[in-house]
Amino acid sequence: GDFYSSYMNMSQRNKKGFTEVQIYLDAIAAVKNTQDLVSLMATFKKIGLGSLFGFGVGQDLKNVETNIYYLSQGGIGLPNKEYYTEAGKKEILGEYQEFISEMFSYYTGSQSEAIAENLVWLETALAKNMYAPAELRIPENTYNKKSFSEVCKSMAPFDFNTYIKTLEITKPDTIIVGTPQFFSN
């Protein structure tokens, strides 16, 4: 109830503005290179914030007695690849870009349209290398067991080793990669 009440209290929310999230916005603004980005993505993952891909532990689908790390496609705001790539969904993509611009306008003002355009460009680039929903439903497509070194190599120049270290987890021997082509481009 308290959580809902705090959300619905618009006068309090408007009074606070961005103060509650400013620490995260400052951390994003401080990113100067790829290494900074990798570290920030892992730091955000530790507190439950998503980023360009999914990473977590789940039951091994080919050996239900064990758990294993999974790496999956991600980083888009619309439901799936088709919203970025199919002509019939271009209107939705346009409306999504307008929404992003409007949301960023509260923080960045006149820069919001350029930010929205860049963000949709990035998400579209990510979506082009994703599996469509029908492809994701085929287990043989999404169960690609790779060694840690294979994953690191395919994700370069993203430093997956630093990502793992920042998460403060033991380096896994193997990882199930859901969409190999997503991580190799």
C-alpha atoms as a PDB file:
ATOM      1  CA  GLY A   1       0.000   0.000   0.000  1.00  0.00           C
ATOM      2  CA  ASP A   2       2.798   2.422   0.882  1.00  0.00           C
ATOM      3  CA  PHE A   3       4.546   1.776  -2.400  1.00  0.00           C
ATOM      4  CA  TYR A   4       1.340   2.405  -4.374  1.00  0.00           C
ATOM      5  CA  SER A   5       0.574   5.552  -2.370  1.00  0.00           C
ATOM      6  CA  SER A   6       4.050   6.946  -3.002  1.00  0.00           C
ATOM      7  CA  TYR A   7       3.588   6.307  -6.723  1.00  0.00           C
ATOM      8  CA  MET A   8       0.191   8.001  -6.823  1.00  0.00           C
ATOM      9  CA  ASN A   9       1.314  11.072  -4.844  1.00  0.00           C
ATOM     10  CA  MET A  10       2.017  13.278  -7.879  1.00  0.00           C
ATOM     11  CA  SER A  11       2.692  16.448  -5.895  1.00  0.00           C
ATOM     12  CA  GLN A  12       5.414  14.668  -3.909  1.00  0.00           C
ATOM     13  CA  ARG A  13       6.834  13.096  -7.074  1.00  0.00           C
ATOM     14  CA  ASN A  14       6.896  16.435  -8.894  1.00  0.00           C
ATOM     15  CA  LYS A  15       8.536  18.100  -5.883  1.00  0.00           C
ATOM     16  CA  LYS A  16      11.332  15.481  -5.806  1.00  0.00           C
ATOM     17  CA  GLY A  17      11.863  15.624  -9.561  1.00  0.00           C
ATOM     18  CA  PHE A  18      14.931  13.599 -10.513  1.00  0.00           C
ATOM     19  CA  THR A  19      16.628  13.719  -7.114  1.00  0.00           C
ATOM     20  CA  GLU A  20      15.913  10.051  -6.357  1.00  0.00           C
ATOM     21  CA  VAL A  21      17.546   8.828  -9.585  1.00  0.00           C
ATOM     22  CA  GLN A  22      20.218  11.497  -9.991  1.00  0.00           C
ATOM     23  CA  ILE A  23      22.937   9.166  -8.703  1.00  0.00           C
ATOM     24  CA  TYR A  24      22.197   6.781 -11.601  1.00  0.00           C
ATOM     25  CA  LEU A  25      22.040   9.579 -14.150  1.00  0.00           C
ATOM     26  CA  ASP A  26      25.396  10.879 -12.901  1.00  0.00           C
ATOM     27  CA  ALA A  27      26.903   7.391 -13.198  1.00  0.00           C
ATOM     28  CA  ILE A  28      25.688   7.158 -16.795  1.00  0.00           C
ATOM     29  CA  ALA A  29      27.062  10.618 -17.596  1.00  0.00           C
ATOM     30  CA  ALA A  30      30.453   9.587 -16.163  1.00  0.00           C
ATOM     31  CA  VAL A  31      30.901   6.787 -18.729  1.00  0.00           C
ATOM     32  CA  LYS A  32      33.866   7.742 -20.913  1.00  0.00           C
ATOM     33  CA  ASN A  33      34.817   4.468 -22.625  1.00  0.00           C
ATOM     34  CA  THR A  34      33.814   0.852 -23.209  1.00  0.00           C
ATOM     35  CA  GLN A  35      35.358  -0.351 -19.938  1.00  0.00           C
ATOM     36  CA  ASP A  36      33.324   2.207 -17.977  1.00  0.00           C
ATOM     37  CA  LEU A  37      30.186   1.041 -19.777  1.00  0.00           C
ATOM     38  CA  VAL A  38      30.869  -2.632 -19.026  1.00  0.00           C
ATOM     39  CA  SER A  39      31.431  -1.886 -15.336  1.00  0.00           C
ATOM     40  CA  LEU A  40      28.329   0.286 -15.130  1.00  0.00           C
ATOM     41  CA  MET A  41      26.161  -2.344 -16.826  1.00  0.00           C
ATOM     42  CA  ALA A  42      27.315  -4.946 -14.290  1.00  0.00           C
ATOM     43  CA  THR A  43      26.831  -2.551 -11.376  1.00  0.00           C
ATOM     44  CA  PHE A  44      23.307  -1.798 -12.568  1.00  0.00           C
ATOM     45  CA  LYS A  45      22.643  -5.540 -13.026  1.00  0.00           C
ATOM     46  CA  LYS A  46      23.524  -6.074  -9.355  1.00  0.00           C
ATOM     47  CA  ILE A  47      20.703  -3.721  -8.328  1.00  0.00           C
ATOM     48  CA  GLY A  48      18.194  -5.150 -10.791  1.00  0.00           C
ATOM     49  CA  LEU A  49      18.476  -2.729 -13.704  1.00  0.00           C
ATOM     50  CA  GLY A  50      18.508  -4.244 -17.190  1.00  0.00           C
ATOM     51  CA  SER A  51      20.781  -3.393 -20.070  1.00  0.00           C
ATOM     52  CA  LEU A  52      21.732  -4.665 -23.515  1.00  0.00           C
ATOM     53  CA  PHE A  53      21.319  -8.380 -22.787  1.00  0.00           C
ATOM     54  CA  GLY A  54      20.010 -10.834 -20.250  1.00  0.00           C
ATOM     55  CA  PHE A  55      22.296 -12.850 -17.992  1.00  0.00           C
ATOM     56  CA  GLY A  56      21.325 -15.143 -15.153  1.00  0.00           C
ATOM     57  CA  VAL A  57      21.161 -18.625 -13.709  1.00  0.00           C
ATOM     58  CA  GLY A  58      18.499 -21.184 -14.531  1.00  0.00           C
ATOM     59  CA  GLN A  59      17.888 -24.888 -14.631  1.00  0.00           C
ATOM     60  CA  ASP A  60      19.906 -26.601 -17.353  1.00  0.00           C
ATOM     61  CA  LEU A  61      17.273 -27.738 -19.853  1.00  0.00           C
ATOM     62  CA  LYS A  62      19.360 -30.765 -20.835  1.00  0.00           C
ATOM     63  CA  ASN A  63      20.354 -31.720 -17.290  1.00  0.00           C
ATOM     64  CA  VAL A  64      17.633 -30.729 -14.835  1.00  0.00           C
ATOM     65  CA  GLU A  65      19.781 -31.776 -11.875  1.00  0.00           C
ATOM     66  CA  THR A  66      22.028 -28.713 -12.357  1.00  0.00           C
ATOM     67  CA  ASN A  67      21.819 -24.999 -12.847  1.00  0.00           C
ATOM     68  CA  ILE A  68      23.744 -23.103 -15.484  1.00  0.00           C
ATOM     69  CA  TYR A  69      24.257 -19.532 -16.633  1.00  0.00           C
ATOM     70  CA  TYR A  70      22.173 -18.275 -19.549  1.00  0.00           C
ATOM     71  CA  LEU A  71      22.978 -15.346 -21.825  1.00  0.00           C
ATOM     72  CA  SER A  72      20.090 -13.970 -23.847  1.00  0.00           C
ATOM     73  CA  GLN A  73      19.195 -11.226 -26.284  1.00  0.00           C
ATOM     74  CA  GLY A  74      17.837  -7.987 -24.878  1.00  0.00           C
ATOM     75  CA  GLY A  75      18.171  -4.240 -24.776  1.00  0.00           C
ATOM     76  CA  ILE A  76      14.994  -3.262 -26.586  1.00  0.00           C
ATOM     77  CA  GLY A  77      11.934  -1.490 -25.265  1.00  0.00           C
ATOM     78  CA  LEU A  78       9.330  -2.962 -27.595  1.00  0.00           C
ATOM     79  CA  PRO A  79       8.185  -6.582 -27.225  1.00  0.00           C
ATOM     80  CA  ASN A  80      10.319  -8.218 -29.917  1.00  0.00           C
ATOM     81  CA  LYS A  81      12.350  -7.938 -33.098  1.00  0.00           C
ATOM     82  CA  GLU A  82       9.320  -7.667 -35.372  1.00  0.00           C
ATOM     83  CA  TYR A  83       8.381  -4.242 -33.991  1.00  0.00           C
ATOM     84  CA  TYR A  84      11.649  -2.891 -35.383  1.00  0.00           C
ATOM     85  CA  THR A  85      11.920  -4.829 -38.632  1.00  0.00           C
ATOM     86  CA  GLU A  86       8.428  -5.353 -40.074  1.00  0.00           C
ATOM     87  CA  ALA A  87       6.834  -2.718 -42.278  1.00  0.00           C
ATOM     88  CA  GLY A  88       3.427  -3.322 -40.679  1.00  0.00           C
ATOM     89  CA  LYS A  89       4.729  -2.155 -37.312  1.00  0.00           C
ATOM     90  CA  LYS A  90       6.472   1.066 -38.437  1.00  0.00           C
ATOM     91  CA  GLU A  91       3.644   3.203 -37.018  1.00  0.00           C
ATOM     92  CA  ILE A  92       4.134   1.650 -33.582  1.00  0.00           C
ATOM     93  CA  LEU A  93       7.893   2.220 -33.838  1.00  0.00           C
ATOM     94  CA  GLY A  94       7.264   5.877 -34.707  1.00  0.00           C
ATOM     95  CA  GLU A  95       4.915   6.289 -31.751  1.00  0.00           C
ATOM     96  CA  TYR A  96       7.490   4.604 -29.517  1.00  0.00           C
ATOM     97  CA  GLN A  97      10.131   7.092 -30.652  1.00  0.00           C
ATOM     98  CA  GLU A  98       7.758   9.973 -29.886  1.00  0.00           C
ATOM     99  CA  PHE A  99       7.132   8.505 -26.426  1.00  0.00           C
ATOM    100  CA  ILE A 100      10.877   8.238 -25.741  1.00  0.00           C
ATOM    101  CA  SER A 101      11.345  11.836 -26.862  1.00  0.00           C
ATOM    102  CA  GLU A 102       8.558  13.024 -24.586  1.00  0.00           C
ATOM    103  CA  MET A 103       9.981  11.139 -21.587  1.00  0.00           C
ATOM    104  CA  PHE A 104      13.503  12.476 -22.176  1.00  0.00           C
ATOM    105  CA  SER A 105      12.160  16.018 -22.640  1.00  0.00           C
ATOM    106  CA  TYR A 106      11.433  16.161 -18.912  1.00  0.00           C
ATOM    107  CA  TYR A 107      15.140  15.752 -18.226  1.00  0.00           C
ATOM    108  CA  THR A 108      17.027  16.977 -21.304  1.00  0.00           C
ATOM    109  CA  GLY A 109      14.679  19.505 -22.863  1.00  0.00           C
ATOM    110  CA  SER A 110      15.404  20.219 -26.528  1.00  0.00           C
ATOM    111  CA  GLN A 111      17.858  17.299 -26.912  1.00  0.00           C
ATOM    112  CA  SER A 112      15.100  14.742 -26.433  1.00  0.00           C
ATOM    113  CA  GLU A 113      14.314  14.228 -30.135  1.00  0.00           C
ATOM    114  CA  ALA A 114      17.935  13.446 -31.016  1.00  0.00           C
ATOM    115  CA  ILE A 115      18.230  11.109 -28.015  1.00  0.00           C
ATOM    116  CA  ALA A 116      15.053   9.285 -29.033  1.00  0.00           C
ATOM    117  CA  GLU A 117      16.251   8.955 -32.619  1.00  0.00           C
ATOM    118  CA  ASN A 118      19.608   7.543 -31.471  1.00  0.00           C
ATOM    119  CA  LEU A 119      17.978   5.170 -29.013  1.00  0.00           C
ATOM    120  CA  VAL A 120      15.582   3.776 -31.628  1.00  0.00           C
ATOM    121  CA  TRP A 121      18.517   3.417 -34.034  1.00  0.00           C
ATOM    122  CA  LEU A 122      20.429   1.404 -31.393  1.00  0.00           C
ATOM    123  CA  GLU A 123      17.442  -0.766 -30.509  1.00  0.00           C
ATOM    124  CA  THR A 124      16.789  -1.431 -34.211  1.00  0.00           C
ATOM    125  CA  ALA A 125      20.408  -2.505 -34.692  1.00  0.00           C
ATOM    126  CA  LEU A 126      20.082  -4.877 -31.728  1.00  0.00           C
ATOM    127  CA  ALA A 127      16.754  -6.233 -32.968  1.00  0.00           C
ATOM    128  CA  LYS A 128      18.147  -7.128 -36.385  1.00  0.00           C
ATOM    129  CA  ASN A 129      20.363  -9.774 -34.737  1.00  0.00           C
ATOM    130  CA  MET A 130      17.645 -11.238 -32.522  1.00  0.00           C
ATOM    131  CA  TYR A 131      15.478 -14.275 -32.989  1.00  0.00           C
ATOM    132  CA  ALA A 132      11.821 -13.630 -33.757  1.00  0.00           C
ATOM    133  CA  PRO A 133       9.274 -15.040 -31.277  1.00  0.00           C
ATOM    134  CA  ALA A 134       8.662 -18.162 -33.395  1.00  0.00           C
ATOM    135  CA  GLU A 135      12.402 -18.859 -33.535  1.00  0.00           C
ATOM    136  CA  LEU A 136      12.693 -18.491 -29.757  1.00  0.00           C
ATOM    137  CA  ARG A 137      10.109 -21.240 -29.259  1.00  0.00           C
ATOM    138  CA  ILE A 138      12.414 -23.836 -30.849  1.00  0.00           C
ATOM    139  CA  PRO A 139      14.618 -25.216 -28.038  1.00  0.00           C
ATOM    140  CA  GLU A 140      17.349 -26.307 -30.452  1.00  0.00           C
ATOM    141  CA  ASN A 141      17.780 -22.668 -31.506  1.00  0.00           C
ATOM    142  CA  THR A 142      18.270 -21.320 -28.014  1.00  0.00           C
ATOM    143  CA  TYR A 143      20.377 -24.011 -26.346  1.00  0.00           C
ATOM    144  CA  ASN A 144      23.925 -23.233 -27.459  1.00  0.00           C
ATOM    145  CA  LYS A 145      26.424 -24.360 -24.842  1.00  0.00           C
ATOM    146  CA  LYS A 146      29.629 -22.308 -25.073  1.00  0.00           C
ATOM    147  CA  SER A 147      32.785 -22.132 -23.021  1.00  0.00           C
ATOM    148  CA  PHE A 148      33.467 -18.946 -21.110  1.00  0.00           C
ATOM    149  CA  SER A 149      36.347 -18.111 -23.454  1.00  0.00           C
ATOM    150  CA  GLU A 150      34.107 -18.621 -26.515  1.00  0.00           C
ATOM    151  CA  VAL A 151      31.555 -16.229 -25.057  1.00  0.00           C
ATOM    152  CA  CYS A 152      34.228 -13.630 -24.274  1.00  0.00           C
ATOM    153  CA  LYS A 153      35.614 -13.881 -27.798  1.00  0.00           C
ATOM    154  CA  SER A 154      32.206 -13.598 -29.475  1.00  0.00           C
ATOM    155  CA  MET A 155      31.247 -10.541 -27.407  1.00  0.00           C
ATOM    156  CA  ALA A 156      34.449  -8.565 -28.068  1.00  0.00           C
ATOM    157  CA  PRO A 157      35.026  -5.660 -27.804  1.00  0.00           C
ATOM    158  CA  PHE A 158      32.586  -5.955 -24.869  1.00  0.00           C
ATOM    159  CA  ASP A 159      34.748  -7.223 -21.990  1.00  0.00           C
ATOM    160  CA  PHE A 160      32.579 -10.001 -20.591  1.00  0.00           C
ATOM    161  CA  ASN A 161      35.352 -11.023 -18.181  1.00  0.00           C
ATOM    162  CA  THR A 162      35.216  -7.579 -16.518  1.00  0.00           C
ATOM    163  CA  TYR A 163      31.425  -7.831 -16.465  1.00  0.00           C
ATOM    164  CA  ILE A 164      31.641 -11.128 -14.538  1.00  0.00           C
ATOM    165  CA  LYS A 165      34.278  -9.730 -12.147  1.00  0.00           C
ATOM    166  CA  THR A 166      32.163  -6.641 -11.450  1.00  0.00           C
ATOM    167  CA  LEU A 167      29.168  -8.873 -10.721  1.00  0.00           C
ATOM    168  CA  GLU A 168      31.416 -10.588  -8.166  1.00  0.00           C
ATOM    169  CA  ILE A 169      30.517 -14.091  -9.329  1.00  0.00           C
ATOM    170  CA  THR A 170      32.739 -17.052 -10.015  1.00  0.00           C
ATOM    171  CA  LYS A 171      33.734 -17.299 -13.647  1.00  0.00           C
ATOM    172  CA  PRO A 172      31.513 -19.999 -15.166  1.00  0.00           C
ATOM    173  CA  ASP A 173      33.008 -22.820 -17.226  1.00  0.00           C
ATOM    174  CA  THR A 174      30.082 -22.834 -19.634  1.00  0.00           C
ATOM    175  CA  ILE A 175      27.167 -20.606 -20.552  1.00  0.00           C
ATOM    176  CA  ILE A 176      24.061 -21.335 -22.598  1.00  0.00           C
ATOM    177  CA  VAL A 177      23.836 -18.645 -25.283  1.00  0.00           C
ATOM    178  CA  GLY A 178      20.263 -18.155 -26.414  1.00  0.00           C
ATOM    179  CA  THR A 179      20.987 -16.208 -29.599  1.00  0.00           C
ATOM    180  CA  PRO A 180      24.599 -16.623 -30.741  1.00  0.00           C
ATOM    181  CA  GLN A 181      24.321 -14.153 -33.634  1.00  0.00           C
ATOM    182  CA  PHE A 182      23.130 -11.462 -31.221  1.00  0.00           C
ATOM    183  CA  PHE A 183      26.443 -11.624 -29.376  1.00  0.00           C
ATOM    184  CA  SER A 184      28.726 -11.904 -32.355  1.00  0.00           C
ATOM    185  CA  ASN A 185      27.911  -8.625 -34.098  1.00  0.00           C
END
